[in-house]
Amino acid sequence: MKKFLAFIALPALLLAATQYFEPVQIKFDNRLYSLAGSAKPVPNLFTQEYLLPGEKLDSFSYMLSLNTLKFDATPEQAVEQKINDLKELKAKGLKVAYKKGSLANEIYLDITIFSNLNGVPTAEHSIYRYTKQGGNLVLFTIQRRAYKKEGIQRFATNFTIESQDFSKKALATPFPQIINR
């Protein structure tokens, strides 16, 4: 089971957009995000990622993603697996912080990571929201990123105020209803 949970807990490398399920667009913070990439890394896991117009999967400022796993796992198990993954990143020297919380019918992680993606310094703030829908484990992720020294300095300088606002909006966004195609 850990193998499957690790897939839903880690972002997938997405190259093209194949629509595996609805929705094809998601609204966050009064902006409409459209399907930009998708993957099916294992038979029962489907991932779709959504960006604003003009954004790219390898250099976005904001991204939303939905992962659905047809597997007998609970949101609690997925969250614990993600926490273990974060502890491993921290043990490797990355700056990682997270807090766990819950909303009606879901569990979330509020995560901040300072890392090096493909040789580029990166700061990332993500809200991972886990729930069950139709017997499937579903992960709804809302992320914001900053790249390179200048972007990370702005990200860090304004982090306290902006992170509270981002987290509040991300947790207030309705959890998308997955409709299988």
C-alpha atoms as a PDB file:
ATOM      1  CA  MET A   1       0.000   0.000   0.000  1.00  0.00           C
ATOM      2  CA  LYS A   2       2.862   2.414   0.754  1.00  0.00           C
ATOM      3  CA  LYS A   3       3.910   2.301  -2.916  1.00  0.00           C
ATOM      4  CA  PHE A   4       0.495   3.546  -4.043  1.00  0.00           C
ATOM      5  CA  LEU A   5       0.236   6.180  -1.329  1.00  0.00           C
ATOM      6  CA  ALA A   6       3.656   7.533  -2.235  1.00  0.00           C
ATOM      7  CA  PHE A   7       2.403   8.217  -5.753  1.00  0.00           C
ATOM      8  CA  ILE A   8      -0.521  10.284  -4.550  1.00  0.00           C
ATOM      9  CA  ALA A   9       1.687  12.092  -2.052  1.00  0.00           C
ATOM     10  CA  LEU A  10       4.280  13.204  -4.599  1.00  0.00           C
ATOM     11  CA  PRO A  11       3.749  15.370  -7.692  1.00  0.00           C
ATOM     12  CA  ALA A  12       3.863  13.580 -11.030  1.00  0.00           C
ATOM     13  CA  LEU A  13       5.856  14.647 -14.059  1.00  0.00           C
ATOM     14  CA  LEU A  14       3.187  15.693 -16.519  1.00  0.00           C
ATOM     15  CA  LEU A  15       3.784  16.379 -20.180  1.00  0.00           C
ATOM     16  CA  ALA A  16       0.453  16.438 -22.014  1.00  0.00           C
ATOM     17  CA  ALA A  17      -3.158  16.984 -21.024  1.00  0.00           C
ATOM     18  CA  THR A  18      -5.417  13.968 -21.308  1.00  0.00           C
ATOM     19  CA  GLN A  19      -8.699  14.473 -19.515  1.00  0.00           C
ATOM     20  CA  TYR A  20      -9.248  11.455 -17.268  1.00  0.00           C
ATOM     21  CA  PHE A  21     -12.114  12.992 -15.251  1.00  0.00           C
ATOM     22  CA  GLU A  22     -14.112  16.172 -14.761  1.00  0.00           C
ATOM     23  CA  PRO A  23     -13.567  19.014 -13.962  1.00  0.00           C
ATOM     24  CA  VAL A  24     -11.575  20.466 -16.846  1.00  0.00           C
ATOM     25  CA  GLN A  25     -11.401  23.878 -15.120  1.00  0.00           C
ATOM     26  CA  ILE A  26     -11.239  24.924 -11.451  1.00  0.00           C
ATOM     27  CA  LYS A  27     -11.759  28.370  -9.938  1.00  0.00           C
ATOM     28  CA  PHE A  28      -9.429  29.579  -7.189  1.00  0.00           C
ATOM     29  CA  ASP A  29      -9.131  33.136  -5.867  1.00  0.00           C
ATOM     30  CA  ASN A  30     -11.509  34.434  -8.591  1.00  0.00           C
ATOM     31  CA  ARG A  31      -9.233  33.083 -11.348  1.00  0.00           C
ATOM     32  CA  LEU A  32     -10.025  30.170 -13.656  1.00  0.00           C
ATOM     33  CA  TYR A  33      -7.393  27.430 -13.968  1.00  0.00           C
ATOM     34  CA  SER A  34      -7.512  25.093 -16.974  1.00  0.00           C
ATOM     35  CA  LEU A  35      -6.266  21.555 -17.458  1.00  0.00           C
ATOM     36  CA  ALA A  36      -2.603  21.772 -18.502  1.00  0.00           C
ATOM     37  CA  GLY A  37      -1.162  18.325 -17.809  1.00  0.00           C
ATOM     38  CA  SER A  38      -2.146  14.846 -16.768  1.00  0.00           C
ATOM     39  CA  ALA A  39      -0.642  11.468 -15.983  1.00  0.00           C
ATOM     40  CA  LYS A  40      -1.544   7.890 -15.135  1.00  0.00           C
ATOM     41  CA  PRO A  41       1.692   6.681 -13.488  1.00  0.00           C
ATOM     42  CA  VAL A  42       0.102   3.456 -12.217  1.00  0.00           C
ATOM     43  CA  PRO A  43      -3.141   1.735 -13.286  1.00  0.00           C
ATOM     44  CA  ASN A  44      -5.352   3.110 -10.487  1.00  0.00           C
ATOM     45  CA  LEU A  45      -3.894   6.622 -10.111  1.00  0.00           C
ATOM     46  CA  PHE A  46      -5.010   9.547 -12.231  1.00  0.00           C
ATOM     47  CA  THR A  47      -3.495  13.035 -11.979  1.00  0.00           C
ATOM     48  CA  GLN A  48      -4.620  16.280 -13.586  1.00  0.00           C
ATOM     49  CA  GLU A  49      -2.865  19.632 -13.156  1.00  0.00           C
ATOM     50  CA  TYR A  50      -4.377  23.043 -13.803  1.00  0.00           C
ATOM     51  CA  LEU A  51      -2.679  26.351 -14.613  1.00  0.00           C
ATOM     52  CA  LEU A  52      -3.590  29.922 -15.420  1.00  0.00           C
ATOM     53  CA  PRO A  53      -3.260  30.999 -19.063  1.00  0.00           C
ATOM     54  CA  GLY A  54       0.386  31.638 -19.952  1.00  0.00           C
ATOM     55  CA  GLU A  55       1.820  29.553 -17.089  1.00  0.00           C
ATOM     56  CA  LYS A  56       4.029  26.499 -17.678  1.00  0.00           C
ATOM     57  CA  LEU A  57       4.185  23.256 -15.705  1.00  0.00           C
ATOM     58  CA  ASP A  58       7.926  23.645 -15.076  1.00  0.00           C
ATOM     59  CA  SER A  59       7.807  27.286 -13.970  1.00  0.00           C
ATOM     60  CA  PHE A  60       4.348  28.155 -12.637  1.00  0.00           C
ATOM     61  CA  SER A  61       3.567  30.696  -9.963  1.00  0.00           C
ATOM     62  CA  TYR A  62       0.291  28.991  -8.992  1.00  0.00           C
ATOM     63  CA  MET A  63      -0.961  25.499  -9.806  1.00  0.00           C
ATOM     64  CA  LEU A  64      -3.901  23.345  -8.793  1.00  0.00           C
ATOM     65  CA  SER A  65      -3.924  19.563  -9.098  1.00  0.00           C
ATOM     66  CA  LEU A  66      -6.300  16.686  -8.545  1.00  0.00           C
ATOM     67  CA  ASN A  67      -5.187  13.113  -7.923  1.00  0.00           C
ATOM     68  CA  THR A  68      -7.631  10.258  -7.658  1.00  0.00           C
ATOM     69  CA  LEU A  69      -6.571   6.828  -6.481  1.00  0.00           C
ATOM     70  CA  LYS A  70      -8.823   3.801  -6.846  1.00  0.00           C
ATOM     71  CA  PHE A  71      -7.374   1.973  -3.885  1.00  0.00           C
ATOM     72  CA  ASP A  72      -8.518   1.039  -0.410  1.00  0.00           C
ATOM     73  CA  ALA A  73      -6.635   3.735   1.486  1.00  0.00           C
ATOM     74  CA  THR A  74      -7.909   6.369   3.887  1.00  0.00           C
ATOM     75  CA  PRO A  75      -7.140  10.083   3.847  1.00  0.00           C
ATOM     76  CA  GLU A  76      -5.420   9.556   7.209  1.00  0.00           C
ATOM     77  CA  GLN A  77      -3.067   6.951   5.712  1.00  0.00           C
ATOM     78  CA  ALA A  78      -2.228   9.232   2.780  1.00  0.00           C
ATOM     79  CA  VAL A  79      -1.512  12.160   5.112  1.00  0.00           C
ATOM     80  CA  GLU A  80       0.768  10.044   7.292  1.00  0.00           C
ATOM     81  CA  GLN A  81       2.636   8.857   4.192  1.00  0.00           C
ATOM     82  CA  LYS A  82       3.094  12.455   3.028  1.00  0.00           C
ATOM     83  CA  ILE A  83       4.355  13.440   6.482  1.00  0.00           C
ATOM     84  CA  ASN A  84       6.899  10.599   6.305  1.00  0.00           C
ATOM     85  CA  ASP A  85       7.984  11.854   2.853  1.00  0.00           C
ATOM     86  CA  LEU A  86       8.406  15.381   4.265  1.00  0.00           C
ATOM     87  CA  LYS A  87      10.484  14.056   7.177  1.00  0.00           C
ATOM     88  CA  GLU A  88      12.750  12.293   4.656  1.00  0.00           C
ATOM     89  CA  LEU A  89      13.209  15.553   2.727  1.00  0.00           C
ATOM     90  CA  LYS A  90      14.037  17.353   5.972  1.00  0.00           C
ATOM     91  CA  ALA A  91      16.564  14.640   6.877  1.00  0.00           C
ATOM     92  CA  LYS A  92      18.249  15.276   3.510  1.00  0.00           C
ATOM     93  CA  GLY A  93      18.790  18.918   4.498  1.00  0.00           C
ATOM     94  CA  LEU A  94      15.849  20.637   2.825  1.00  0.00           C
ATOM     95  CA  LYS A  95      13.972  23.324   4.717  1.00  0.00           C
ATOM     96  CA  VAL A  96      10.539  21.807   5.297  1.00  0.00           C
ATOM     97  CA  ALA A  97       7.675  22.917   7.528  1.00  0.00           C
ATOM     98  CA  TYR A  98       4.135  21.615   7.724  1.00  0.00           C
ATOM     99  CA  LYS A  99       1.038  21.603   9.850  1.00  0.00           C
ATOM    100  CA  LYS A 100      -1.859  19.189   9.797  1.00  0.00           C
ATOM    101  CA  GLY A 101      -5.525  20.122  10.145  1.00  0.00           C
ATOM    102  CA  SER A 102      -9.011  18.998   9.271  1.00  0.00           C
ATOM    103  CA  LEU A 103     -12.171  20.325   7.701  1.00  0.00           C
ATOM    104  CA  ALA A 104     -15.525  18.599   7.268  1.00  0.00           C
ATOM    105  CA  ASN A 105     -14.838  15.243   5.549  1.00  0.00           C
ATOM    106  CA  GLU A 106     -11.202  16.027   4.736  1.00  0.00           C
ATOM    107  CA  ILE A 107      -7.721  16.283   6.199  1.00  0.00           C
ATOM    108  CA  TYR A 108      -5.166  18.826   5.016  1.00  0.00           C
ATOM    109  CA  LEU A 109      -1.474  19.579   5.209  1.00  0.00           C
ATOM    110  CA  ASP A 110      -0.159  23.138   4.932  1.00  0.00           C
ATOM    111  CA  ILE A 111       3.394  22.656   3.607  1.00  0.00           C
ATOM    112  CA  THR A 112       6.337  24.963   2.918  1.00  0.00           C
ATOM    113  CA  ILE A 113       9.489  23.675   1.208  1.00  0.00           C
ATOM    114  CA  PHE A 114      12.658  25.488   0.197  1.00  0.00           C
ATOM    115  CA  SER A 115      14.507  23.278  -2.290  1.00  0.00           C
ATOM    116  CA  ASN A 116      16.464  23.093  -5.503  1.00  0.00           C
ATOM    117  CA  LEU A 117      14.398  21.912  -8.486  1.00  0.00           C
ATOM    118  CA  ASN A 118      16.564  21.001 -11.467  1.00  0.00           C
ATOM    119  CA  GLY A 119      19.326  23.282 -10.188  1.00  0.00           C
ATOM    120  CA  VAL A 120      16.974  26.238  -9.575  1.00  0.00           C
ATOM    121  CA  PRO A 121      16.408  27.463  -6.003  1.00  0.00           C
ATOM    122  CA  THR A 122      12.678  27.156  -5.322  1.00  0.00           C
ATOM    123  CA  ALA A 123      10.267  28.103  -2.540  1.00  0.00           C
ATOM    124  CA  GLU A 124       6.909  26.378  -2.457  1.00  0.00           C
ATOM    125  CA  HIS A 125       3.822  26.784  -0.290  1.00  0.00           C
ATOM    126  CA  SER A 126       1.188  24.088  -0.782  1.00  0.00           C
ATOM    127  CA  ILE A 127      -2.117  23.049   0.682  1.00  0.00           C
ATOM    128  CA  TYR A 128      -2.734  19.295   0.294  1.00  0.00           C
ATOM    129  CA  ARG A 129      -6.394  18.397   0.926  1.00  0.00           C
ATOM    130  CA  TYR A 130      -7.334  14.699   1.177  1.00  0.00           C
ATOM    131  CA  THR A 131     -10.822  13.161   1.119  1.00  0.00           C
ATOM    132  CA  LYS A 132     -12.800  10.182  -0.159  1.00  0.00           C
ATOM    133  CA  GLN A 133     -15.206  10.480  -3.104  1.00  0.00           C
ATOM    134  CA  GLY A 134     -17.112   7.520  -4.520  1.00  0.00           C
ATOM    135  CA  GLY A 135     -14.766   5.089  -2.788  1.00  0.00           C
ATOM    136  CA  ASN A 136     -11.662   6.781  -4.252  1.00  0.00           C
ATOM    137  CA  LEU A 137      -8.976   8.632  -2.332  1.00  0.00           C
ATOM    138  CA  VAL A 138      -8.774  12.161  -3.763  1.00  0.00           C
ATOM    139  CA  LEU A 139      -6.039  14.735  -3.241  1.00  0.00           C
ATOM    140  CA  PHE A 140      -6.689  18.386  -4.160  1.00  0.00           C
ATOM    141  CA  THR A 141      -3.502  20.464  -4.087  1.00  0.00           C
ATOM    142  CA  ILE A 142      -3.133  24.227  -4.408  1.00  0.00           C
ATOM    143  CA  GLN A 143       0.460  25.460  -4.746  1.00  0.00           C
ATOM    144  CA  ARG A 144       2.324  28.702  -5.151  1.00  0.00           C
ATOM    145  CA  ARG A 145       6.000  28.904  -6.030  1.00  0.00           C
ATOM    146  CA  ALA A 146       8.860  31.335  -6.322  1.00  0.00           C
ATOM    147  CA  TYR A 147      12.083  30.689  -8.215  1.00  0.00           C
ATOM    148  CA  LYS A 148      15.666  31.932  -8.064  1.00  0.00           C
ATOM    149  CA  LYS A 149      17.203  34.160  -5.411  1.00  0.00           C
ATOM    150  CA  GLU A 150      15.120  37.299  -6.086  1.00  0.00           C
ATOM    151  CA  GLY A 151      11.798  35.454  -6.191  1.00  0.00           C
ATOM    152  CA  ILE A 152      12.584  33.513  -3.041  1.00  0.00           C
ATOM    153  CA  GLN A 153      13.592  36.696  -1.189  1.00  0.00           C
ATOM    154  CA  ARG A 154      10.219  38.289  -2.048  1.00  0.00           C
ATOM    155  CA  PHE A 155       8.460  35.036  -1.097  1.00  0.00           C
ATOM    156  CA  ALA A 156      10.243  34.891   2.278  1.00  0.00           C
ATOM    157  CA  THR A 157       9.890  38.621   3.037  1.00  0.00           C
ATOM    158  CA  ASN A 158       6.112  38.592   2.575  1.00  0.00           C
ATOM    159  CA  PHE A 159       5.598  35.007   3.739  1.00  0.00           C
ATOM    160  CA  THR A 160       3.820  35.605   7.053  1.00  0.00           C
ATOM    161  CA  ILE A 161       1.076  37.815   5.603  1.00  0.00           C
ATOM    162  CA  GLU A 162       0.780  36.132   2.203  1.00  0.00           C
ATOM    163  CA  SER A 163       0.868  32.586   3.566  1.00  0.00           C
ATOM    164  CA  GLN A 164      -2.051  33.231   5.912  1.00  0.00           C
ATOM    165  CA  ASP A 165      -4.090  34.726   3.064  1.00  0.00           C
ATOM    166  CA  PHE A 166      -3.131  31.902   0.667  1.00  0.00           C
ATOM    167  CA  SER A 167      -3.945  29.179   3.212  1.00  0.00           C
ATOM    168  CA  LYS A 168      -7.281  30.767   4.078  1.00  0.00           C
ATOM    169  CA  LYS A 169      -8.300  31.022   0.397  1.00  0.00           C
ATOM    170  CA  ALA A 170      -7.045  27.517  -0.421  1.00  0.00           C
ATOM    171  CA  LEU A 171      -9.006  25.974   2.449  1.00  0.00           C
ATOM    172  CA  ALA A 172     -12.144  27.990   1.596  1.00  0.00           C
ATOM    173  CA  THR A 173     -12.096  26.867  -2.052  1.00  0.00           C
ATOM    174  CA  PRO A 174     -14.765  24.206  -2.628  1.00  0.00           C
ATOM    175  CA  PHE A 175     -13.293  20.729  -3.031  1.00  0.00           C
ATOM    176  CA  PRO A 176     -13.897  19.769  -6.683  1.00  0.00           C
ATOM    177  CA  GLN A 177     -16.311  16.910  -7.280  1.00  0.00           C
ATOM    178  CA  ILE A 178     -14.609  14.235  -9.410  1.00  0.00           C
ATOM    179  CA  ILE A 179     -16.745  12.943 -12.274  1.00  0.00           C
ATOM    180  CA  ASN A 180     -15.189   9.926 -13.983  1.00  0.00           C
ATOM    181  CA  ARG A 181     -15.266   9.830 -17.767  1.00  0.00           C
END
